Amino acid sequence: MNIVIDGNAFLSVSTSIVKNILAKNRSVGERYYVGDLTSDKYILKEASKNEFKRFSLNYFGSILAPFKENVESVFIVFDSRSWRKAFIKQHIAIHGEEGDFEYKANRKYDETHHLFFDYFQEEIVPILEQSYGVITSRVHGAEGDDIIAYICETIPEEDICIWTVDKDLIQLVDNAKRKIILLMPKMMTKHKKVYTSEDFD
């Protein structure tokens, strides 16, 4: 089984949980970050880094654990700049605002949320690559789901499990010569969700 992890989903879930953990940690204080003395930017507190690193590696292990020794390869994919935004902007310029083109436009972001994403890329990704043989992918102009679809197309003979929170990827579920299944974390539900084709054995 090849495991393909939606990196942005993984980071969003991990960051959300760790921020809640840190909020209850008196040694961290009210904020999980501090001002950088050498610039006008913010940096994560050392305790925040340690907790995020511990949780991320444990969470990563929990995703792979059900497959035990049956893991062929592990991919983690990330968004780059989206071609969709440029396409939609061009479409509106030509055709006017027809249809619903509020693509991710109304999402609210914590302005310091990216600190965890940056730390993950700089400190944790090398550990996953070097110690666990994980393949990480980011392609300029592509989003994570584009890369996931490409991986599914280029590994035609081997089974794939996609870990994500994006239900749009259900369209990739397949049970032809090989199987593609979709696994979603619990989030606000009691159980994980597993999506398969109807004739899945």
C-alpha atoms as a PDB file:
ATOM      1  CA  MET A   1       0.000   0.000   0.000  1.00  0.00           C
ATOM      2  CA  ASN A   2       1.250   3.467  -0.927  1.00  0.00           C
ATOM      3  CA  ILE A   3       0.190   6.169   1.537  1.00  0.00           C
ATOM      4  CA  VAL A   4      -0.428   9.681   0.161  1.00  0.00           C
ATOM      5  CA  ILE A   5      -0.903  12.321   2.868  1.00  0.00           C
ATOM      6  CA  ASP A   6      -2.453  15.702   2.135  1.00  0.00           C
ATOM      7  CA  GLY A   7       0.226  17.843   3.807  1.00  0.00           C
ATOM      8  CA  ASN A   8      -1.894  20.944   4.204  1.00  0.00           C
ATOM      9  CA  ALA A   9      -4.667  18.928   5.849  1.00  0.00           C
ATOM     10  CA  PHE A  10      -2.112  17.248   8.116  1.00  0.00           C
ATOM     11  CA  LEU A  11      -0.669  20.612   9.142  1.00  0.00           C
ATOM     12  CA  SER A  12      -4.082  22.186   9.700  1.00  0.00           C
ATOM     13  CA  VAL A  13      -5.231  19.357  11.963  1.00  0.00           C
ATOM     14  CA  SER A  14      -1.905  19.174  13.820  1.00  0.00           C
ATOM     15  CA  THR A  15      -1.680  22.940  14.304  1.00  0.00           C
ATOM     16  CA  SER A  16      -5.251  23.208  15.557  1.00  0.00           C
ATOM     17  CA  ILE A  17      -4.751  20.462  18.146  1.00  0.00           C
ATOM     18  CA  VAL A  18      -1.333  21.714  19.274  1.00  0.00           C
ATOM     19  CA  LYS A  19      -2.617  25.288  19.695  1.00  0.00           C
ATOM     20  CA  ASN A  20      -5.314  23.931  22.023  1.00  0.00           C
ATOM     21  CA  ILE A  21      -2.707  21.950  23.970  1.00  0.00           C
ATOM     22  CA  LEU A  22      -0.445  24.995  24.287  1.00  0.00           C
ATOM     23  CA  ALA A  23      -3.347  27.199  25.417  1.00  0.00           C
ATOM     24  CA  LYS A  24      -3.669  24.957  28.494  1.00  0.00           C
ATOM     25  CA  ASN A  25       0.074  24.905  29.175  1.00  0.00           C
ATOM     26  CA  ARG A  26       0.879  27.488  31.838  1.00  0.00           C
ATOM     27  CA  SER A  27       4.576  27.427  31.024  1.00  0.00           C
ATOM     28  CA  VAL A  28       3.812  28.715  27.513  1.00  0.00           C
ATOM     29  CA  GLY A  29       1.617  31.625  28.598  1.00  0.00           C
ATOM     30  CA  GLU A  30      -1.073  33.417  26.622  1.00  0.00           C
ATOM     31  CA  ARG A  31       0.747  33.261  23.278  1.00  0.00           C
ATOM     32  CA  TYR A  32       2.635  30.399  21.641  1.00  0.00           C
ATOM     33  CA  TYR A  33       5.008  32.834  19.885  1.00  0.00           C
ATOM     34  CA  VAL A  34       7.239  35.813  20.686  1.00  0.00           C
ATOM     35  CA  GLY A  35       8.664  38.726  18.745  1.00  0.00           C
ATOM     36  CA  ASP A  36      11.962  38.065  17.006  1.00  0.00           C
ATOM     37  CA  LEU A  37      14.615  40.399  18.456  1.00  0.00           C
ATOM     38  CA  THR A  38      16.462  40.544  15.119  1.00  0.00           C
ATOM     39  CA  SER A  39      13.454  41.472  12.962  1.00  0.00           C
ATOM     40  CA  ASP A  40       9.851  42.638  13.094  1.00  0.00           C
ATOM     41  CA  LYS A  41       8.578  39.060  12.674  1.00  0.00           C
ATOM     42  CA  TYR A  42       7.326  36.489  15.165  1.00  0.00           C
ATOM     43  CA  ILE A  43       8.899  33.140  16.065  1.00  0.00           C
ATOM     44  CA  LEU A  44       7.558  30.102  17.904  1.00  0.00           C
ATOM     45  CA  LYS A  45       8.494  29.696  21.546  1.00  0.00           C
ATOM     46  CA  GLU A  46      10.804  26.758  22.219  1.00  0.00           C
ATOM     47  CA  ALA A  47       8.079  24.927  24.162  1.00  0.00           C
ATOM     48  CA  SER A  48       5.723  25.397  21.193  1.00  0.00           C
ATOM     49  CA  LYS A  49       8.295  23.937  18.802  1.00  0.00           C
ATOM     50  CA  ASN A  50       8.895  20.914  21.033  1.00  0.00           C
ATOM     51  CA  GLU A  51       5.185  20.191  21.485  1.00  0.00           C
ATOM     52  CA  PHE A  52       4.450  20.603  17.780  1.00  0.00           C
ATOM     53  CA  LYS A  53       7.354  18.365  16.792  1.00  0.00           C
ATOM     54  CA  ARG A  54       6.336  15.676  19.308  1.00  0.00           C
ATOM     55  CA  PHE A  55       2.698  15.730  18.231  1.00  0.00           C
ATOM     56  CA  SER A  56       3.419  15.837  14.484  1.00  0.00           C
ATOM     57  CA  LEU A  57       5.724  12.812  14.558  1.00  0.00           C
ATOM     58  CA  ASN A  58       3.336  10.827  16.771  1.00  0.00           C
ATOM     59  CA  TYR A  59       0.373  11.764  14.585  1.00  0.00           C
ATOM     60  CA  PHE A  60       2.284  10.792  11.462  1.00  0.00           C
ATOM     61  CA  GLY A  61       3.042   7.415  13.056  1.00  0.00           C
ATOM     62  CA  SER A  62      -0.630   6.897  13.929  1.00  0.00           C
ATOM     63  CA  ILE A  63      -1.622   7.329  10.264  1.00  0.00           C
ATOM     64  CA  LEU A  64       0.809   4.629   9.166  1.00  0.00           C
ATOM     65  CA  ALA A  65       0.196   2.271  12.124  1.00  0.00           C
ATOM     66  CA  PRO A  66      -2.898   0.474  10.706  1.00  0.00           C
ATOM     67  CA  PHE A  67      -0.859  -0.614   7.666  1.00  0.00           C
ATOM     68  CA  LYS A  68       2.021  -1.985   9.772  1.00  0.00           C
ATOM     69  CA  GLU A  69       4.529  -3.698   7.482  1.00  0.00           C
ATOM     70  CA  ASN A  70       2.454  -3.252   4.316  1.00  0.00           C
ATOM     71  CA  VAL A  71       3.646   0.258   3.435  1.00  0.00           C
ATOM     72  CA  GLU A  72       5.429   0.550   0.075  1.00  0.00           C
ATOM     73  CA  SER A  73       5.952   4.328  -0.096  1.00  0.00           C
ATOM     74  CA  VAL A  74       4.764   7.399   1.806  1.00  0.00           C
ATOM     75  CA  PHE A  75       4.157  10.731   0.067  1.00  0.00           C
ATOM     76  CA  ILE A  76       3.316  14.043   1.714  1.00  0.00           C
ATOM     77  CA  VAL A  77       2.145  16.696  -0.739  1.00  0.00           C
ATOM     78  CA  PHE A  78       1.712  20.441  -0.232  1.00  0.00           C
ATOM     79  CA  ASP A  79       0.016  23.319  -2.005  1.00  0.00           C
ATOM     80  CA  SER A  80       1.998  25.806  -4.027  1.00  0.00           C
ATOM     81  CA  ARG A  81       0.540  28.906  -5.682  1.00  0.00           C
ATOM     82  CA  SER A  82      -2.783  27.914  -7.175  1.00  0.00           C
ATOM     83  CA  TRP A  83      -3.328  28.066 -10.932  1.00  0.00           C
ATOM     84  CA  ARG A  84      -7.064  27.995 -10.142  1.00  0.00           C
ATOM     85  CA  LYS A  85      -7.002  31.489  -8.644  1.00  0.00           C
ATOM     86  CA  ALA A  86      -5.372  32.938 -11.759  1.00  0.00           C
ATOM     87  CA  PHE A  87      -7.803  31.015 -13.984  1.00  0.00           C
ATOM     88  CA  ILE A  88     -10.833  32.280 -12.042  1.00  0.00           C
ATOM     89  CA  LYS A  89      -9.515  35.843 -12.056  1.00  0.00           C
ATOM     90  CA  GLN A  90      -9.058  35.656 -15.835  1.00  0.00           C
ATOM     91  CA  HIS A  91     -12.522  34.115 -16.290  1.00  0.00           C
ATOM     92  CA  ILE A  92     -14.178  36.918 -14.316  1.00  0.00           C
ATOM     93  CA  ALA A  93     -12.260  39.537 -16.326  1.00  0.00           C
ATOM     94  CA  ILE A  94     -13.608  38.045 -19.571  1.00  0.00           C
ATOM     95  CA  HIS A  95     -17.085  36.845 -18.587  1.00  0.00           C
ATOM     96  CA  GLY A  96     -17.986  38.859 -15.505  1.00  0.00           C
ATOM     97  CA  GLU A  97     -18.871  37.372 -12.136  1.00  0.00           C
ATOM     98  CA  GLU A  98     -20.987  34.469 -13.335  1.00  0.00           C
ATOM     99  CA  GLY A  99     -21.379  31.579 -10.926  1.00  0.00           C
ATOM    100  CA  ASP A 100     -19.835  31.073  -7.517  1.00  0.00           C
ATOM    101  CA  PHE A 101     -16.156  31.955  -7.697  1.00  0.00           C
ATOM    102  CA  GLU A 102     -15.480  32.584  -4.013  1.00  0.00           C
ATOM    103  CA  TYR A 103     -12.796  29.902  -4.146  1.00  0.00           C
ATOM    104  CA  LYS A 104     -11.391  29.707  -0.586  1.00  0.00           C
ATOM    105  CA  ALA A 105     -11.830  33.479  -0.457  1.00  0.00           C
ATOM    106  CA  ASN A 106     -13.780  33.604   2.774  1.00  0.00           C
ATOM    107  CA  ARG A 107     -11.436  31.470   4.836  1.00  0.00           C
ATOM    108  CA  LYS A 108     -10.064  33.209   7.920  1.00  0.00           C
ATOM    109  CA  TYR A 109      -6.421  32.716   8.766  1.00  0.00           C
ATOM    110  CA  ASP A 110      -4.560  33.267  12.021  1.00  0.00           C
ATOM    111  CA  GLU A 111      -1.740  35.637  11.041  1.00  0.00           C
ATOM    112  CA  THR A 112       0.731  33.563  13.089  1.00  0.00           C
ATOM    113  CA  HIS A 113      -0.637  30.187  11.968  1.00  0.00           C
ATOM    114  CA  HIS A 114       2.089  30.005   9.318  1.00  0.00           C
ATOM    115  CA  LEU A 115       4.777  29.749  12.015  1.00  0.00           C
ATOM    116  CA  PHE A 116       3.878  26.087  12.505  1.00  0.00           C
ATOM    117  CA  PHE A 117       3.840  25.505   8.741  1.00  0.00           C
ATOM    118  CA  ASP A 118       7.296  27.101   8.366  1.00  0.00           C
ATOM    119  CA  TYR A 119       8.703  25.113  11.294  1.00  0.00           C
ATOM    120  CA  PHE A 120       7.296  21.902   9.843  1.00  0.00           C
ATOM    121  CA  GLN A 121       8.950  22.547   6.468  1.00  0.00           C
ATOM    122  CA  GLU A 122      12.291  23.601   7.932  1.00  0.00           C
ATOM    123  CA  GLU A 123      12.705  21.179  10.845  1.00  0.00           C
ATOM    124  CA  ILE A 124      10.272  18.263  10.622  1.00  0.00           C
ATOM    125  CA  VAL A 125      10.210  17.506   6.876  1.00  0.00           C
ATOM    126  CA  PRO A 126      13.975  16.706   6.854  1.00  0.00           C
ATOM    127  CA  ILE A 127      13.395  14.203   9.692  1.00  0.00           C
ATOM    128  CA  LEU A 128      10.571  12.530   7.767  1.00  0.00           C
ATOM    129  CA  GLU A 129      12.678  12.407   4.593  1.00  0.00           C
ATOM    130  CA  GLN A 130      15.950  11.242   6.128  1.00  0.00           C
ATOM    131  CA  SER A 131      14.746   8.998   8.959  1.00  0.00           C
ATOM    132  CA  TYR A 132      11.558   7.576   7.464  1.00  0.00           C
ATOM    133  CA  GLY A 133      12.130   7.791   3.705  1.00  0.00           C
ATOM    134  CA  VAL A 134       9.062   9.951   3.138  1.00  0.00           C
ATOM    135  CA  ILE A 135       8.769  11.622  -0.275  1.00  0.00           C
ATOM    136  CA  THR A 136       7.609  15.239   0.003  1.00  0.00           C
ATOM    137  CA  SER A 137       6.241  17.095  -3.027  1.00  0.00           C
ATOM    138  CA  ARG A 138       5.385  20.691  -3.845  1.00  0.00           C
ATOM    139  CA  VAL A 139       5.023  21.784  -7.458  1.00  0.00           C
ATOM    140  CA  HIS A 140       4.939  25.435  -8.495  1.00  0.00           C
ATOM    141  CA  GLY A 141       1.458  26.378  -9.663  1.00  0.00           C
ATOM    142  CA  ALA A 142      -0.184  23.205  -8.321  1.00  0.00           C
ATOM    143  CA  GLU A 143      -2.306  22.457  -5.304  1.00  0.00           C
ATOM    144  CA  GLY A 144      -1.986  19.363  -3.153  1.00  0.00           C
ATOM    145  CA  ASP A 145      -5.022  17.652  -4.690  1.00  0.00           C
ATOM    146  CA  ASP A 146      -3.532  18.141  -8.170  1.00  0.00           C
ATOM    147  CA  ILE A 147      -0.382  16.315  -7.057  1.00  0.00           C
ATOM    148  CA  ILE A 148      -2.401  13.559  -5.364  1.00  0.00           C
ATOM    149  CA  ALA A 149      -4.334  12.960  -8.594  1.00  0.00           C
ATOM    150  CA  TYR A 150      -1.048  12.846 -10.529  1.00  0.00           C
ATOM    151  CA  ILE A 151       0.427  10.283  -8.111  1.00  0.00           C
ATOM    152  CA  CYS A 152      -2.683   8.102  -8.524  1.00  0.00           C
ATOM    153  CA  GLU A 153      -2.281   8.263 -12.303  1.00  0.00           C
ATOM    154  CA  THR A 154       1.426   7.425 -12.274  1.00  0.00           C
ATOM    155  CA  ILE A 155       1.255   4.450  -9.883  1.00  0.00           C
ATOM    156  CA  PRO A 156      -1.261   2.417 -11.916  1.00  0.00           C
ATOM    157  CA  GLU A 157      -0.440  -1.046 -10.580  1.00  0.00           C
ATOM    158  CA  GLU A 158      -0.213  -0.476  -6.813  1.00  0.00           C
ATOM    159  CA  ASP A 159      -2.812   0.124  -4.098  1.00  0.00           C
ATOM    160  CA  ILE A 160      -3.045   3.651  -2.680  1.00  0.00           C
ATOM    161  CA  CYS A 161      -4.545   5.087   0.495  1.00  0.00           C
ATOM    162  CA  ILE A 162      -5.122   8.855   0.470  1.00  0.00           C
ATOM    163  CA  TRP A 163      -5.232  10.604   3.858  1.00  0.00           C
ATOM    164  CA  THR A 164      -7.056  13.928   3.598  1.00  0.00           C
ATOM    165  CA  VAL A 165      -9.957  16.058   4.819  1.00  0.00           C
ATOM    166  CA  ASP A 166     -10.912  17.013   1.246  1.00  0.00           C
ATOM    167  CA  LYS A 167     -14.057  15.163   0.147  1.00  0.00           C
ATOM    168  CA  ASP A 168     -13.460  16.282  -3.449  1.00  0.00           C
ATOM    169  CA  LEU A 169     -10.844  13.533  -3.647  1.00  0.00           C
ATOM    170  CA  ILE A 170     -13.533  10.842  -3.286  1.00  0.00           C
ATOM    171  CA  GLN A 171     -13.681  10.901  -7.109  1.00  0.00           C
ATOM    172  CA  LEU A 172     -10.265   9.196  -7.116  1.00  0.00           C
ATOM    173  CA  VAL A 173     -11.570   6.128  -5.245  1.00  0.00           C
ATOM    174  CA  ASP A 174     -11.086   3.106  -7.469  1.00  0.00           C
ATOM    175  CA  ASN A 175     -11.139  -0.683  -7.314  1.00  0.00           C
ATOM    176  CA  ALA A 176     -10.012  -1.819 -10.762  1.00  0.00           C
ATOM    177  CA  LYS A 177      -6.722  -3.726 -11.002  1.00  0.00           C
ATOM    178  CA  ARG A 178      -5.578  -1.877  -7.905  1.00  0.00           C
ATOM    179  CA  LYS A 179      -7.447  -0.194  -5.053  1.00  0.00           C
ATOM    180  CA  ILE A 180      -7.568   3.494  -4.128  1.00  0.00           C
ATOM    181  CA  ILE A 181      -9.209   4.235  -0.801  1.00  0.00           C
ATOM    182  CA  LEU A 182      -9.733   7.505   1.065  1.00  0.00           C
ATOM    183  CA  LEU A 183      -9.091   7.883   4.788  1.00  0.00           C
ATOM    184  CA  MET A 184     -10.252  10.903   6.796  1.00  0.00           C
ATOM    185  CA  PRO A 185      -9.344  11.808  10.406  1.00  0.00           C
ATOM    186  CA  LYS A 186     -11.958  12.026  13.160  1.00  0.00           C
ATOM    187  CA  MET A 187     -11.899  15.820  13.470  1.00  0.00           C
ATOM    188  CA  MET A 188     -15.249  16.648  15.110  1.00  0.00           C
ATOM    189  CA  THR A 189     -16.699  13.147  14.626  1.00  0.00           C
ATOM    190  CA  LYS A 190     -16.509  10.004  16.772  1.00  0.00           C
ATOM    191  CA  HIS A 191     -14.862   7.813  14.151  1.00  0.00           C
ATOM    192  CA  LYS A 192     -12.490   8.052  11.224  1.00  0.00           C
ATOM    193  CA  LYS A 193     -14.097   7.803   7.792  1.00  0.00           C
ATOM    194  CA  VAL A 194     -12.947   5.351   5.129  1.00  0.00           C
ATOM    195  CA  TYR A 195     -14.256   5.696   1.554  1.00  0.00           C
ATOM    196  CA  THR A 196     -13.975   2.796  -0.868  1.00  0.00           C
ATOM    197  CA  SER A 197     -15.608   1.679  -4.111  1.00  0.00           C
ATOM    198  CA  GLU A 198     -18.799  -0.392  -3.806  1.00  0.00           C
ATOM    199  CA  ASP A 199     -17.075  -3.624  -4.804  1.00  0.00           C
ATOM    200  CA  PHE A 200     -14.155  -3.144  -2.412  1.00  0.00           C
ATOM    201  CA  ASP A 201     -12.967  -6.457  -0.965  1.00  0.00           C
END
